[in-house]
C-alpha atoms as a PDB file:
ATOM      1  CA  MET A   1     122.650 108.210  65.180  1.00  0.00           C
ATOM      2  CA  ILE A   2     118.996 108.411  65.837  1.00  0.00           C
ATOM      3  CA  LEU A   3     118.937 112.194  64.744  1.00  0.00           C
ATOM      4  CA  ARG A   4     120.663 111.267  61.518  1.00  0.00           C
ATOM      5  CA  ASN A   5     118.419 108.335  60.822  1.00  0.00           C
ATOM      6  CA  ARG A   6     115.438 110.518  61.226  1.00  0.00           C
ATOM      7  CA  LEU A   7     116.723 113.215  58.916  1.00  0.00           C
ATOM      8  CA  SER A   8     117.390 110.588  56.359  1.00  0.00           C
ATOM      9  CA  ILE A   9     113.874 109.217  56.703  1.00  0.00           C
ATOM     10  CA  LEU A  10     112.535 112.689  56.167  1.00  0.00           C
ATOM     11  CA  PHE A  11     114.668 113.289  53.299  1.00  0.00           C
ATOM     12  CA  LEU A  12     113.354 109.924  51.747  1.00  0.00           C
ATOM     13  CA  LEU A  13     109.639 110.906  52.514  1.00  0.00           C
ATOM     14  CA  CYS A  14     110.314 114.339  50.762  1.00  0.00           C
ATOM     15  CA  PHE A  15     111.843 112.802  47.623  1.00  0.00           C
ATOM     16  CA  MET A  16     109.010 110.248  47.473  1.00  0.00           C
ATOM     17  CA  GLY A  17     106.643 113.114  47.564  1.00  0.00           C
ATOM     18  CA  SER A  18     108.173 114.720  44.675  1.00  0.00           C
ATOM     19  CA  SER A  19     108.363 111.383  42.828  1.00  0.00           C
ATOM     20  CA  VAL A  20     104.521 111.320  43.301  1.00  0.00           C
ATOM     21  CA  ILE A  21     103.848 114.709  42.197  1.00  0.00           C
ATOM     22  CA  THR A  22     105.861 113.927  39.116  1.00  0.00           C
ATOM     23  CA  SER A  23     104.034 110.671  38.433  1.00  0.00           C
ATOM     24  CA  ALA A  24     100.773 112.566  38.811  1.00  0.00           C
ATOM     25  CA  GLN A  25     101.718 114.868  36.082  1.00  0.00           C
ATOM     26  CA  LYS A  26     102.552 112.017  33.734  1.00  0.00           C
ATOM     27  CA  LYS A  27      99.555 109.531  34.840  1.00  0.00           C
ATOM     28  CA  ASP A  28      98.547 107.171  32.090  1.00  0.00           C
ATOM     29  CA  GLY A  29     100.857 108.826  29.578  1.00  0.00           C
ATOM     30  CA  PHE A  30      99.218 112.374  30.158  1.00  0.00           C
ATOM     31  CA  LYS A  31     101.557 115.027  30.586  1.00  0.00           C
ATOM     32  CA  LYS A  32     100.661 118.412  32.405  1.00  0.00           C
ATOM     33  CA  ILE A  33     101.087 121.445  29.782  1.00  0.00           C
ATOM     34  CA  PHE A  34     100.337 124.256  31.817  1.00  0.00           C
ATOM     35  CA  ASN A  35     102.157 124.595  35.290  1.00  0.00           C
ATOM     36  CA  GLY A  36      99.585 127.020  36.802  1.00  0.00           C
ATOM     37  CA  LYS A  37     102.037 129.686  37.518  1.00  0.00           C
ATOM     38  CA  ASN A  38     103.021 131.418  34.143  1.00  0.00           C
ATOM     39  CA  MET A  39     102.477 131.156  30.287  1.00  0.00           C
ATOM     40  CA  LYS A  40     105.420 128.856  29.608  1.00  0.00           C
ATOM     41  CA  ASN A  41     104.763 127.538  26.009  1.00  0.00           C
ATOM     42  CA  TRP A  42     101.303 129.491  25.779  1.00  0.00           C
ATOM     43  CA  GLU A  43     100.690 132.826  24.259  1.00  0.00           C
ATOM     44  CA  ALA A  44      97.396 135.159  24.479  1.00  0.00           C
ATOM     45  CA  ASP A  45      96.124 138.415  24.379  1.00  0.00           C
ATOM     46  CA  THR A  46      96.935 139.559  28.136  1.00  0.00           C
ATOM     47  CA  SER A  47      94.166 142.074  27.956  1.00  0.00           C
ATOM     48  CA  HIS A  48      91.655 139.193  27.973  1.00  0.00           C
ATOM     49  CA  TRP A  49      93.736 136.374  29.393  1.00  0.00           C
ATOM     50  CA  ARG A  50      95.387 136.172  32.830  1.00  0.00           C
ATOM     51  CA  ILE A  51      96.611 133.370  35.323  1.00  0.00           C
ATOM     52  CA  GLU A  52      94.673 133.366  38.877  1.00  0.00           C
ATOM     53  CA  ASN A  53      94.821 130.847  41.338  1.00  0.00           C
ATOM     54  CA  GLY A  54      96.593 128.179  39.130  1.00  0.00           C
ATOM     55  CA  CYS A  55      94.048 128.749  36.313  1.00  0.00           C
ATOM     56  CA  PHE A  56      94.147 130.585  32.906  1.00  0.00           C
ATOM     57  CA  VAL A  57      91.197 132.929  33.283  1.00  0.00           C
ATOM     58  CA  GLY A  58      89.602 134.487  30.051  1.00  0.00           C
ATOM     59  CA  GLU A  59      87.315 137.577  30.604  1.00  0.00           C
ATOM     60  CA  VAL A  60      85.140 140.080  28.639  1.00  0.00           C
ATOM     61  CA  THR A  61      83.889 143.245  30.651  1.00  0.00           C
ATOM     62  CA  LYS A  62      82.282 146.471  29.546  1.00  0.00           C
ATOM     63  CA  GLU A  63      85.527 148.036  30.331  1.00  0.00           C
ATOM     64  CA  LYS A  64      87.467 145.592  28.227  1.00  0.00           C
ATOM     65  CA  PRO A  65      85.330 144.729  24.973  1.00  0.00           C
ATOM     66  CA  LEU A  66      86.393 142.104  22.570  1.00  0.00           C
ATOM     67  CA  LYS A  67      85.983 142.513  18.761  1.00  0.00           C
ATOM     68  CA  THR A  68      87.131 139.190  17.744  1.00  0.00           C
ATOM     69  CA  ASN A  69      87.395 135.918  19.173  1.00  0.00           C
ATOM     70  CA  THR A  70      90.806 135.475  21.033  1.00  0.00           C
ATOM     71  CA  PHE A  71      92.715 132.122  22.148  1.00  0.00           C
ATOM     72  CA  MET A  72      94.984 131.219  24.535  1.00  0.00           C
ATOM     73  CA  ILE A  73      97.380 129.303  22.241  1.00  0.00           C
ATOM     74  CA  TYR A  74      99.718 126.436  23.205  1.00  0.00           C
ATOM     75  CA  ARG A  75     102.989 126.506  21.410  1.00  0.00           C
ATOM     76  CA  GLY A  76     104.485 123.261  22.690  1.00  0.00           C
ATOM     77  CA  ASN A  77     104.938 120.071  20.831  1.00  0.00           C
ATOM     78  CA  ILE A  78     101.453 118.730  19.769  1.00  0.00           C
ATOM     79  CA  PRO A  79     101.399 115.060  18.483  1.00  0.00           C
ATOM     80  CA  GLU A  80      99.526 114.153  15.502  1.00  0.00           C
ATOM     81  CA  ASN A  81      97.089 111.705  17.304  1.00  0.00           C
ATOM     82  CA  PHE A  82      96.457 112.737  20.880  1.00  0.00           C
ATOM     83  CA  GLU A  83      94.133 112.750  24.075  1.00  0.00           C
ATOM     84  CA  PHE A  84      93.467 116.138  25.368  1.00  0.00           C
ATOM     85  CA  LYS A  85      92.194 116.902  29.253  1.00  0.00           C
ATOM     86  CA  ALA A  86      91.310 119.922  30.939  1.00  0.00           C
ATOM     87  CA  SER A  87      89.023 121.182  33.594  1.00  0.00           C
ATOM     88  CA  TYR A  88      86.726 124.217  33.037  1.00  0.00           C
ATOM     89  CA  ARG A  89      84.369 126.438  34.595  1.00  0.00           C
ATOM     90  CA  ILE A  90      82.328 129.295  32.714  1.00  0.00           C
ATOM     91  CA  SER A  91      80.036 131.856  33.549  1.00  0.00           C
ATOM     92  CA  PRO A  92      76.248 131.217  32.649  1.00  0.00           C
ATOM     93  CA  GLU A  93      76.236 133.670  29.679  1.00  0.00           C
ATOM     94  CA  GLY A  94      79.896 132.719  28.450  1.00  0.00           C
ATOM     95  CA  ASN A  95      81.002 130.963  25.240  1.00  0.00           C
ATOM     96  CA  SER A  96      84.233 129.244  24.815  1.00  0.00           C
ATOM     97  CA  GLY A  97      85.688 125.930  23.569  1.00  0.00           C
ATOM     98  CA  VAL A  98      89.023 124.120  22.901  1.00  0.00           C
ATOM     99  CA  GLN A  99      90.420 124.501  19.503  1.00  0.00           C
ATOM    100  CA  TYR A 100      92.357 121.681  17.959  1.00  0.00           C
ATOM    101  CA  ARG A 101      94.422 120.829  14.708  1.00  0.00           C
ATOM    102  CA  SER A 102      93.916 124.398  14.036  1.00  0.00           C
ATOM    103  CA  GLU A 103      95.973 127.277  12.138  1.00  0.00           C
ATOM    104  CA  ALA A 104      96.783 130.638  13.175  1.00  0.00           C
ATOM    105  CA  LEU A 105      95.476 133.835  11.247  1.00  0.00           C
ATOM    106  CA  ASP A 106      98.131 135.965   9.898  1.00  0.00           C
ATOM    107  CA  ASN A 107      95.955 138.979   9.705  1.00  0.00           C
ATOM    108  CA  VAL A 108      94.325 138.567  13.360  1.00  0.00           C
ATOM    109  CA  PRO A 109      96.430 138.373  16.340  1.00  0.00           C
ATOM    110  CA  PHE A 110      95.630 135.238  18.510  1.00  0.00           C
ATOM    111  CA  ALA A 111      93.049 133.985  16.283  1.00  0.00           C
ATOM    112  CA  LEU A 112      92.693 130.497  15.244  1.00  0.00           C
ATOM    113  CA  LYS A 113      90.534 128.503  12.678  1.00  0.00           C
ATOM    114  CA  GLY A 114      89.912 124.669  12.784  1.00  0.00           C
ATOM    115  CA  TYR A 115      88.090 122.047  14.987  1.00  0.00           C
ATOM    116  CA  GLN A 116      86.602 123.057  18.241  1.00  0.00           C
ATOM    117  CA  ALA A 117      85.053 121.080  21.139  1.00  0.00           C
ATOM    118  CA  ASP A 118      82.547 123.553  22.028  1.00  0.00           C
ATOM    119  CA  ILE A 119      81.581 124.980  25.523  1.00  0.00           C
ATOM    120  CA  ASP A 120      79.075 127.355  26.702  1.00  0.00           C
ATOM    121  CA  GLY A 121      77.630 128.365  29.844  1.00  0.00           C
ATOM    122  CA  ALA A 122      73.994 127.517  29.134  1.00  0.00           C
ATOM    123  CA  ASN A 123      75.081 124.196  27.652  1.00  0.00           C
ATOM    124  CA  ARG A 124      73.251 124.789  24.525  1.00  0.00           C
ATOM    125  CA  TYR A 125      76.116 123.664  22.238  1.00  0.00           C
ATOM    126  CA  THR A 126      78.674 122.127  24.767  1.00  0.00           C
ATOM    127  CA  GLY A 127      80.207 118.874  23.667  1.00  0.00           C
ATOM    128  CA  GLN A 128      79.505 119.443  19.893  1.00  0.00           C
ATOM    129  CA  ASN A 129      82.265 119.802  17.219  1.00  0.00           C
ATOM    130  CA  TYR A 130      82.329 123.055  15.473  1.00  0.00           C
ATOM    131  CA  GLU A 131      84.950 124.218  12.900  1.00  0.00           C
ATOM    132  CA  GLU A 132      85.825 127.946  13.856  1.00  0.00           C
ATOM    133  CA  ARG A 133      86.233 129.963  10.517  1.00  0.00           C
ATOM    134  CA  GLY A 134      85.371 126.926   8.529  1.00  0.00           C
ATOM    135  CA  ARG A 135      82.415 124.431   7.862  1.00  0.00           C
ATOM    136  CA  GLY A 136      80.626 125.341  10.816  1.00  0.00           C
ATOM    137  CA  PHE A 137      78.487 122.795  12.848  1.00  0.00           C
ATOM    138  CA  LEU A 138      80.038 119.294  12.238  1.00  0.00           C
ATOM    139  CA  ALA A 139      78.472 117.075  14.862  1.00  0.00           C
ATOM    140  CA  MET A 140      75.834 118.414  17.354  1.00  0.00           C
ATOM    141  CA  ARG A 141      75.790 117.082  20.809  1.00  0.00           C
ATOM    142  CA  GLY A 142      74.488 113.526  20.401  1.00  0.00           C
ATOM    143  CA  GLU A 143      75.443 112.873  16.914  1.00  0.00           C
ATOM    144  CA  GLN A 144      77.602 110.792  15.220  1.00  0.00           C
ATOM    145  CA  SER A 145      78.474 112.430  11.807  1.00  0.00           C
ATOM    146  CA  VAL A 146      80.511 111.757   8.721  1.00  0.00           C
ATOM    147  CA  LEU A 147      82.109 114.663   6.461  1.00  0.00           C
ATOM    148  CA  LYS A 148      82.344 114.406   2.846  1.00  0.00           C
ATOM    149  CA  GLU A 149      83.778 116.855   0.297  1.00  0.00           C
ATOM    150  CA  GLY A 150      81.309 119.679  -0.419  1.00  0.00           C
ATOM    151  CA  GLN A 151      78.407 118.028   1.353  1.00  0.00           C
ATOM    152  CA  LYS A 152      76.621 118.873   4.632  1.00  0.00           C
ATOM    153  CA  PRO A 153      77.653 116.557   7.440  1.00  0.00           C
ATOM    154  CA  THR A 154      75.916 113.042   7.130  1.00  0.00           C
ATOM    155  CA  ILE A 155      74.425 111.850  10.531  1.00  0.00           C
ATOM    156  CA  THR A 156      75.209 108.285  10.688  1.00  0.00           C
ATOM    157  CA  GLY A 157      74.097 107.361  14.323  1.00  0.00           C
ATOM    158  CA  SER A 158      73.803 108.726  17.955  1.00  0.00           C
ATOM    159  CA  VAL A 159      75.561 108.541  21.056  1.00  0.00           C
ATOM    160  CA  GLY A 160      72.650 109.548  23.189  1.00  0.00           C
ATOM    161  CA  LYS A 161      69.666 112.286  23.291  1.00  0.00           C
ATOM    162  CA  SER A 162      70.891 115.919  23.500  1.00  0.00           C
ATOM    163  CA  ASP A 163      69.073 116.714  26.549  1.00  0.00           C
ATOM    164  CA  GLU A 164      69.899 113.593  28.433  1.00  0.00           C
ATOM    165  CA  LEU A 165      73.694 114.270  27.679  1.00  0.00           C
ATOM    166  CA  LYS A 166      73.262 118.038  28.709  1.00  0.00           C
ATOM    167  CA  ALA A 167      72.115 116.722  32.207  1.00  0.00           C
ATOM    168  CA  LYS A 168      75.526 115.092  32.606  1.00  0.00           C
ATOM    169  CA  ILE A 169      77.106 118.771  32.410  1.00  0.00           C
ATOM    170  CA  LYS A 170      77.213 120.869  35.487  1.00  0.00           C
ATOM    171  CA  VAL A 171      76.325 124.665  35.329  1.00  0.00           C
ATOM    172  CA  ASP A 172      78.379 127.299  36.598  1.00  0.00           C
ATOM    173  CA  ASP A 173      80.638 124.729  38.105  1.00  0.00           C
ATOM    174  CA  TRP A 174      83.812 122.687  37.192  1.00  0.00           C
ATOM    175  CA  ASN A 175      83.553 120.117  34.281  1.00  0.00           C
ATOM    176  CA  GLU A 176      86.131 117.944  32.764  1.00  0.00           C
ATOM    177  CA  ILE A 177      86.541 118.045  28.655  1.00  0.00           C
ATOM    178  CA  HIS A 178      88.358 115.322  26.914  1.00  0.00           C
ATOM    179  CA  ILE A 179      88.962 115.256  23.491  1.00  0.00           C
ATOM    180  CA  ILE A 180      90.443 112.132  21.413  1.00  0.00           C
ATOM    181  CA  ALA A 181      91.743 112.919  17.803  1.00  0.00           C
ATOM    182  CA  LYS A 182      92.911 109.959  16.134  1.00  0.00           C
ATOM    183  CA  GLY A 183      93.512 110.113  12.279  1.00  0.00           C
ATOM    184  CA  ASN A 184      90.347 111.429  10.882  1.00  0.00           C
ATOM    185  CA  HIS A 185      88.058 110.311  14.025  1.00  0.00           C
ATOM    186  CA  LEU A 186      87.223 113.076  16.533  1.00  0.00           C
ATOM    187  CA  MET A 187      85.543 112.380  19.832  1.00  0.00           C
ATOM    188  CA  HIS A 188      84.311 114.820  22.540  1.00  0.00           C
ATOM    189  CA  TYR A 189      83.740 113.936  26.144  1.00  0.00           C
ATOM    190  CA  ILE A 190      82.412 116.017  29.133  1.00  0.00           C
ATOM    191  CA  ASN A 191      82.786 114.422  32.409  1.00  0.00           C
ATOM    192  CA  GLY A 192      83.386 111.180  30.920  1.00  0.00           C
ATOM    193  CA  VAL A 193      80.421 110.941  28.686  1.00  0.00           C
ATOM    194  CA  LEU A 194      80.722 110.810  24.938  1.00  0.00           C
ATOM    195  CA  MET A 195      79.143 113.877  23.601  1.00  0.00           C
ATOM    196  CA  SER A 196      79.735 113.715  19.830  1.00  0.00           C
ATOM    197  CA  GLU A 197      81.728 111.608  17.262  1.00  0.00           C
ATOM    198  CA  THR A 198      82.933 112.872  13.767  1.00  0.00           C
ATOM    199  CA  THR A 199      84.709 111.074  11.102  1.00  0.00           C
ATOM    200  CA  ASP A 200      86.196 113.631   8.570  1.00  0.00           C
ATOM    201  CA  GLU A 201      86.517 112.177   5.179  1.00  0.00           C
ATOM    202  CA  ASP A 202      86.670 115.434   3.470  1.00  0.00           C
ATOM    203  CA  THR A 203      90.165 114.948   1.996  1.00  0.00           C
ATOM    204  CA  VAL A 204      90.352 118.784   1.123  1.00  0.00           C
ATOM    205  CA  LYS A 205      89.504 120.477   4.554  1.00  0.00           C
ATOM    206  CA  ARG A 206      90.196 117.940   7.038  1.00  0.00           C
ATOM    207  CA  LYS A 207      93.117 118.351   9.170  1.00  0.00           C
ATOM    208  CA  PHE A 208      95.730 115.947  10.847  1.00  0.00           C
ATOM    209  CA  THR A 209      97.847 118.384  12.691  1.00  0.00           C
ATOM    210  CA  GLY A 210      97.722 122.009  14.150  1.00  0.00           C
ATOM    211  CA  LEU A 211      97.525 124.098  17.190  1.00  0.00           C
ATOM    212  CA  ILE A 212      95.495 123.664  20.489  1.00  0.00           C
ATOM    213  CA  GLY A 213      93.815 126.840  21.973  1.00  0.00           C
ATOM    214  CA  LEU A 214      91.368 127.994  24.420  1.00  0.00           C
ATOM    215  CA  GLN A 215      88.763 130.433  23.427  1.00  0.00           C
ATOM    216  CA  VAL A 216      87.345 133.635  24.586  1.00  0.00           C
ATOM    217  CA  HIS A 217      84.115 134.287  22.396  1.00  0.00           C
ATOM    218  CA  VAL A 218      82.864 137.807  21.574  1.00  0.00           C
ATOM    219  CA  MET A 219      80.492 138.473  24.228  1.00  0.00           C
ATOM    220  CA  PRO A 220      79.020 141.388  26.106  1.00  0.00           C
ATOM    221  CA  LYS A 221      80.636 139.970  29.023  1.00  0.00           C
ATOM    222  CA  MET A 222      81.935 136.512  30.170  1.00  0.00           C
ATOM    223  CA  LYS A 223      84.379 134.662  32.194  1.00  0.00           C
ATOM    224  CA  VAL A 224      85.956 131.224  31.733  1.00  0.00           C
ATOM    225  CA  GLU A 225      88.543 129.424  33.550  1.00  0.00           C
ATOM    226  CA  TYR A 226      90.937 126.272  32.579  1.00  0.00           C
ATOM    227  CA  LYS A 227      92.994 124.142  34.937  1.00  0.00           C
ATOM    228  CA  ASP A 228      94.661 120.751  35.188  1.00  0.00           C
ATOM    229  CA  ILE A 229      95.372 120.882  31.360  1.00  0.00           C
ATOM    230  CA  TYR A 230      96.940 117.435  30.010  1.00  0.00           C
ATOM    231  CA  LEU A 231      97.970 116.012  26.713  1.00  0.00           C
ATOM    232  CA  LYS A 232      98.823 112.524  25.737  1.00  0.00           C
ATOM    233  CA  LYS A 233     100.313 111.134  22.532  1.00  0.00           C
ATOM    234  CA  ILE A 234      98.351 108.164  21.049  1.00  0.00           C
ATOM    235  CA  ASN A 235      99.277 105.714  18.143  1.00  0.00           C
END
C-alpha cells in the first residue's frame, strides 16, 4: 500500500510538471511557435539557417556567402493583431531583424518584403521600424512617426533619446524583442523598453496581415540566434 501511494504521488508530480510546462508555453495568452527541436511550421534556406542548442541559428561565412537577404519564415497561423516575443543574440558585425505583416517574393526564394523590427550587432539600428523592399526607414529609434501616402514619415513625438535607449540593449548577449501590431499602430520594444512607434495611415502601402520571418542580412560574415519565440492574438 505504501509503495502504491508513493507511485501515485510520483505520477501526480510528473503530471503536474507537464501541466506547468504547457501553462508556461501559453503564459498570458502567448503561444510558443518554435519547439527548439525542428522546423515544424517554419521554412528557410538551410545553407544559412540551422537549429542548434534549442535555437534558430542564421549564419553567413566566407565559405557560404549570401547574395540576397534570407529569412526563416513562419508558416503557421498568424492573427491580424498580435504580440510577438523572442530572445535573440547577434554577433557584433551582424544585421538581422524580425519581419512581420510581410509578403514572400515570387522570384527570390526565402525573401520577404514588409515591416521589420530592426536588429544589428552594433545597435545602430536596433529597435527601429524599417520596411524591407519598400518605403525604407519608417521610424528611427526614439521616434514616434505617422505615415501618409506619398510622403516621408512625419515625426510626431519621441519615446526617448536614441543613445539613452541604446544603453538598454546588451551587446553580444541575449536581448528580448517584443512587437505589438494592432491595426495600423506598430510598436517595437527591446528588453521591455519602447524603442519606436509607428502609425501607418498610408492606405495604399500599409498592411494588416502577412508573414513573420527572421532575417539574415547580406554581410561578409555574421551570426544571429533566436529562441523562446512566442505569438499572442490580441483584439
